Amino acid sequence: MKRLAILIVFTCLVLVSTGCRAVPPSSSPQSPSAEPAPLALATEASVVRVIDGDTIEVDIAGNLYRVRYIGIDTPETVHPTRGEEPYGKEASAKNKELVEGKEVHLEKDISDTDKYGRLLCYVWVGDLLVNAELVRLGYAQVATYPPDVKYQDLFLQLQREAREAGRGLWATTRPAQPITQGTYVGSIQSDKYHYPDCYWAQQIKPENLIWFSSAKEALDMGYVPCKVCGPPDQ
């Protein structure tokens, strides 16, 4: 009996020393680099920081996430190879004016995140769709990628209006190449064709220019429409 009691006491001591140590709870706050949780179809959030013209940082239920606006692209303010692009600071400033410190409504499309782990969203402030407003005012260009194309037609229409009115970045691009050389332009280093006044057409080096008299000619040569300026695809 005495031997059994000693065995029980020894066993308890082993269990206490090996399996019952308290583990302190983690106190690390959620950071933007944490794996984003899937969004509901629509989510309320608070904007804590504007990163640039098309990216923000938001607070959702006490956790921080980076949000990339769906369907648009603004000029870079900081880029490892291109540096600061024309109208980048203005686009970032306008985005701050529209959303910084405000409560926003995040609407998802099909995809949850991009390849960088940022939430992909349409951002609403009240009844204002911020993505569309940046395009309308000429601070952003259309850049839609399937399957996230819910507002593509709206964005393209607003971009046409901004380009025709010479708003924002459409007023700052250098003069287009003479249109007498063709209706659309591409680069021998790329597979996209553009309107001559497209921002990306303006970046093509003269020695790489190739002109097309019609969309059909460009398509027959293996080119595809630019997703930013949206030339016809037939």
Protein backbone atom coordinates (compact mmCIF):
# COMPACT_ATOMS: atom_id res chain seq x y z
CA MET A 1 0.00 0.00 0.00
CA LYS A 2 2.85 2.36 0.92
CA ARG A 3 4.56 1.53 -2.41
CA LEU A 4 1.33 2.38 -4.35
CA ALA A 5 1.04 5.73 -2.58
CA ILE A 6 4.63 6.61 -3.48
CA LEU A 7 3.97 5.67 -7.13
CA ILE A 8 0.87 7.91 -7.31
CA VAL A 9 2.73 10.87 -5.79
CA PHE A 10 5.64 10.41 -8.26
CA THR A 11 3.26 10.26 -11.24
CA CYS A 12 1.55 13.48 -10.19
CA LEU A 13 4.89 15.27 -9.86
CA VAL A 14 5.87 14.21 -13.39
CA LEU A 15 2.59 15.48 -14.83
CA VAL A 16 2.90 18.82 -13.07
CA SER A 17 6.48 19.34 -14.27
CA THR A 18 5.88 18.40 -17.93
CA GLY A 19 2.29 19.01 -18.96
CA CYS A 20 0.79 21.65 -16.76
CA ARG A 21 3.05 24.63 -17.31
CA ALA A 22 1.03 27.79 -17.96
CA VAL A 23 1.46 29.27 -21.45
CA PRO A 24 1.16 33.07 -21.49
CA PRO A 25 -1.44 34.30 -23.98
CA SER A 26 -0.17 36.12 -27.06
CA SER A 27 -0.55 39.88 -26.80
CA SER A 28 0.56 40.70 -30.35
CA PRO A 29 -1.98 42.93 -32.13
CA GLN A 30 -3.25 42.10 -35.57
CA SER A 31 -1.15 43.77 -38.28
CA PRO A 32 -1.76 44.46 -41.99
CA SER A 33 0.66 41.66 -42.86
CA ALA A 34 -1.48 39.03 -41.12
CA GLU A 35 -3.42 36.62 -43.32
CA PRO A 36 -6.62 38.49 -44.26
CA ALA A 37 -9.90 36.85 -43.32
CA PRO A 38 -12.42 36.49 -46.18
CA LEU A 39 -14.79 39.44 -46.38
CA ALA A 40 -18.50 39.15 -46.22
CA LEU A 41 -20.28 40.45 -49.31
CA ALA A 42 -20.26 43.86 -47.62
CA THR A 43 -18.33 45.01 -44.56
CA GLU A 44 -18.14 48.22 -42.54
CA ALA A 45 -14.67 49.58 -41.75
CA SER A 46 -12.80 52.66 -40.51
CA VAL A 47 -10.03 54.13 -42.65
CA VAL A 48 -6.91 54.61 -40.52
CA ARG A 49 -4.41 55.45 -43.27
CA VAL A 50 -4.30 56.28 -46.97
CA ILE A 51 -1.27 54.61 -48.56
CA ASP A 52 -1.63 56.01 -52.08
CA GLY A 53 -4.28 56.79 -54.65
CA ASP A 54 -5.78 53.29 -54.77
CA THR A 55 -4.72 51.60 -51.51
CA ILE A 56 -5.83 52.21 -47.92
CA GLU A 57 -5.47 50.65 -44.49
CA VAL A 58 -8.65 49.97 -42.56
CA ASP A 59 -9.78 48.78 -39.15
CA ILE A 60 -12.34 45.97 -39.20
CA ALA A 61 -13.49 44.90 -35.73
CA GLY A 62 -10.16 45.87 -34.18
CA ASN A 63 -7.96 44.26 -36.85
CA LEU A 64 -5.97 46.14 -39.51
CA TYR A 65 -6.15 45.23 -43.20
CA ARG A 66 -4.84 46.77 -46.41
CA VAL A 67 -7.43 47.33 -49.10
CA ARG A 68 -6.74 47.66 -52.84
CA TYR A 69 -9.47 49.39 -54.84
CA ILE A 70 -10.95 47.11 -57.50
CA GLY A 71 -11.02 48.12 -61.15
CA ILE A 72 -8.79 51.18 -61.12
CA ASP A 73 -5.14 52.16 -61.10
CA THR A 74 -3.60 55.45 -60.03
CA PRO A 75 -0.09 56.72 -60.84
CA GLU A 76 2.59 55.50 -58.45
CA THR A 77 4.01 57.71 -55.70
CA VAL A 78 6.75 55.22 -54.81
CA HIS A 79 7.83 52.42 -57.15
CA PRO A 80 11.05 50.35 -57.07
CA THR A 81 11.71 50.77 -60.81
CA ARG A 82 9.47 53.57 -62.14
CA GLY A 83 9.77 55.94 -59.18
CA GLU A 84 7.15 58.67 -58.79
CA GLU A 85 4.78 58.96 -61.74
CA PRO A 86 3.05 62.13 -62.97
CA TYR A 87 -0.09 62.93 -60.97
CA GLY A 88 0.69 60.31 -58.32
CA LYS A 89 0.80 62.79 -55.43
CA GLU A 90 -2.39 64.48 -56.58
CA ALA A 91 -4.23 61.13 -56.76
CA SER A 92 -3.05 60.21 -53.28
CA ALA A 93 -4.15 63.59 -51.91
CA LYS A 94 -7.60 63.25 -53.48
CA ASN A 95 -7.98 59.76 -52.01
CA LYS A 96 -7.13 61.17 -48.56
CA GLU A 97 -9.72 63.89 -49.03
CA LEU A 98 -12.36 61.31 -49.90
CA VAL A 99 -11.77 58.62 -47.26
CA GLU A 100 -9.13 59.34 -44.60
CA GLY A 101 -10.52 59.00 -41.06
CA LYS A 102 -13.98 58.08 -42.34
CA GLU A 103 -16.31 55.15 -41.92
CA VAL A 104 -16.54 53.26 -45.21
CA HIS A 105 -18.56 50.43 -46.65
CA LEU A 106 -16.41 47.74 -48.33
CA GLU A 107 -18.03 45.78 -51.14
CA LYS A 108 -16.30 42.71 -52.52
CA ASP A 109 -16.68 41.27 -56.01
CA ILE A 110 -15.53 37.70 -56.66
CA SER A 111 -11.91 37.60 -55.47
CA ASP A 112 -11.07 38.13 -51.79
CA THR A 113 -7.45 39.29 -52.12
CA ASP A 114 -4.74 40.12 -54.64
CA LYS A 115 -1.35 38.40 -54.91
CA TYR A 116 0.00 40.70 -52.19
CA GLY A 117 -2.66 39.66 -49.69
CA ARG A 118 -4.58 42.94 -49.86
CA LEU A 119 -8.37 42.85 -49.66
CA LEU A 120 -9.95 43.69 -53.03
CA CYS A 121 -12.90 46.04 -52.58
CA TYR A 122 -15.19 48.67 -53.95
CA VAL A 123 -15.11 51.43 -51.34
CA TRP A 124 -18.19 53.46 -50.53
CA VAL A 125 -18.50 56.62 -48.42
CA GLY A 126 -22.23 56.98 -48.01
CA ASP A 127 -23.65 56.85 -51.54
CA LEU A 128 -20.32 57.75 -53.18
CA LEU A 129 -18.37 54.94 -54.87
CA VAL A 130 -14.80 56.13 -54.35
CA ASN A 131 -13.34 53.93 -57.09
CA ALA A 132 -15.66 55.53 -59.64
CA GLU A 133 -15.15 59.06 -58.31
CA LEU A 134 -11.37 58.83 -58.76
CA VAL A 135 -11.89 57.78 -62.39
CA ARG A 136 -14.52 60.49 -63.00
CA LEU A 137 -12.20 63.21 -61.76
CA GLY A 138 -9.25 61.93 -63.76
CA TYR A 139 -7.14 60.74 -60.83
CA ALA A 140 -7.31 57.07 -61.86
CA GLN A 141 -7.48 54.96 -64.97
CA VAL A 142 -9.59 51.86 -65.47
CA ALA A 143 -7.78 48.57 -64.83
CA THR A 144 -10.28 45.73 -64.54
CA TYR A 145 -9.28 42.09 -64.30
CA PRO A 146 -11.77 39.22 -64.52
CA PRO A 147 -13.57 37.95 -62.59
CA ASP A 148 -13.85 41.26 -60.69
CA VAL A 149 -15.70 43.32 -63.30
CA LYS A 150 -19.01 44.33 -61.66
CA TYR A 151 -18.61 48.07 -62.37
CA GLN A 152 -16.39 47.83 -65.46
CA ASP A 153 -18.89 49.48 -67.83
CA LEU A 154 -19.45 52.37 -65.42
CA PHE A 155 -15.72 52.91 -64.96
CA LEU A 156 -15.07 52.91 -68.72
CA GLN A 157 -17.86 55.42 -69.34
CA LEU A 158 -16.53 57.75 -66.63
CA GLN A 159 -13.01 57.43 -68.04
CA ARG A 160 -14.17 58.40 -71.54
CA GLU A 161 -15.84 61.47 -70.09
CA ALA A 162 -12.74 62.43 -68.07
CA ARG A 163 -10.46 61.97 -71.07
CA GLU A 164 -12.70 64.04 -73.35
CA ALA A 165 -12.90 66.79 -70.72
CA GLY A 166 -9.14 66.74 -70.12
CA ARG A 167 -9.53 66.19 -66.38
CA GLY A 168 -6.71 65.29 -64.04
CA LEU A 169 -3.99 63.07 -65.48
CA TRP A 170 -5.59 63.35 -68.93
CA ALA A 171 -4.58 67.00 -68.95
CA THR A 172 -0.99 66.30 -67.86
CA THR A 173 0.11 63.60 -70.31
CA ARG A 174 2.40 64.84 -73.04
CA PRO A 175 0.80 65.40 -76.47
CA ALA A 176 -0.13 62.21 -78.25
CA GLN A 177 1.78 61.05 -81.30
CA PRO A 178 0.21 62.36 -84.54
CA ILE A 179 -2.97 60.38 -85.05
CA THR A 180 -2.46 60.48 -88.83
CA GLN A 181 -0.09 57.53 -88.35
CA GLY A 182 -2.97 55.34 -87.23
CA THR A 183 -6.04 55.05 -85.02
CA TYR A 184 -4.46 52.86 -82.35
CA VAL A 185 -0.92 52.39 -81.14
CA GLY A 186 1.08 49.57 -79.60
CA SER A 187 4.63 48.60 -78.77
CA ILE A 188 6.77 45.95 -80.40
CA GLN A 189 7.78 45.06 -76.84
CA SER A 190 4.19 44.41 -75.71
CA ASP A 191 0.97 42.74 -76.85
CA LYS A 192 -1.42 45.64 -76.00
CA TYR A 193 -2.90 48.28 -78.26
CA HIS A 194 -4.10 51.66 -76.99
CA TYR A 195 -5.77 54.91 -77.83
CA PRO A 196 -2.93 57.33 -78.67
CA ASP A 197 -3.72 59.49 -75.63
CA CYS A 198 -3.68 56.58 -73.17
CA TYR A 199 -1.21 57.13 -70.33
CA TRP A 200 0.55 53.86 -71.17
CA ALA A 201 0.72 54.69 -74.88
CA GLN A 202 2.58 57.84 -73.90
CA GLN A 203 5.24 55.73 -72.17
CA ILE A 204 6.18 53.81 -75.36
CA LYS A 205 9.59 54.73 -76.71
CA PRO A 206 9.42 56.11 -80.28
CA GLU A 207 11.60 53.31 -81.65
CA ASN A 208 9.11 50.72 -80.30
CA LEU A 209 5.92 52.29 -81.69
CA ILE A 210 3.65 50.37 -84.01
CA TRP A 211 0.46 51.88 -85.44
CA PHE A 212 -2.82 50.23 -86.45
CA SER A 213 -5.50 51.64 -88.72
CA SER A 214 -8.22 49.62 -86.96
CA ALA A 215 -8.82 47.37 -83.98
CA LYS A 216 -9.16 44.44 -86.38
CA GLU A 217 -5.67 45.07 -87.73
CA ALA A 218 -4.25 45.06 -84.20
CA LEU A 219 -6.15 41.90 -83.27
CA ASP A 220 -5.05 40.14 -86.48
CA MET A 221 -1.44 40.86 -85.50
CA GLY A 222 -1.93 39.23 -82.09
CA TYR A 223 -2.45 42.35 -79.99
CA VAL A 224 -5.15 42.67 -77.32
CA PRO A 225 -6.96 45.81 -76.06
CA CYS A 226 -5.41 47.78 -73.21
CA LYS A 227 -7.46 47.28 -70.04
CA VAL A 228 -6.75 50.84 -68.98
CA CYS A 229 -7.97 52.96 -71.91
CA GLY A 230 -10.36 50.30 -73.26
CA PRO A 231 -10.16 50.52 -77.08
CA PRO A 232 -12.71 48.41 -78.99
CA ASP A 233 -12.02 44.69 -79.34
CA GLN A 234 -13.56 44.19 -82.76
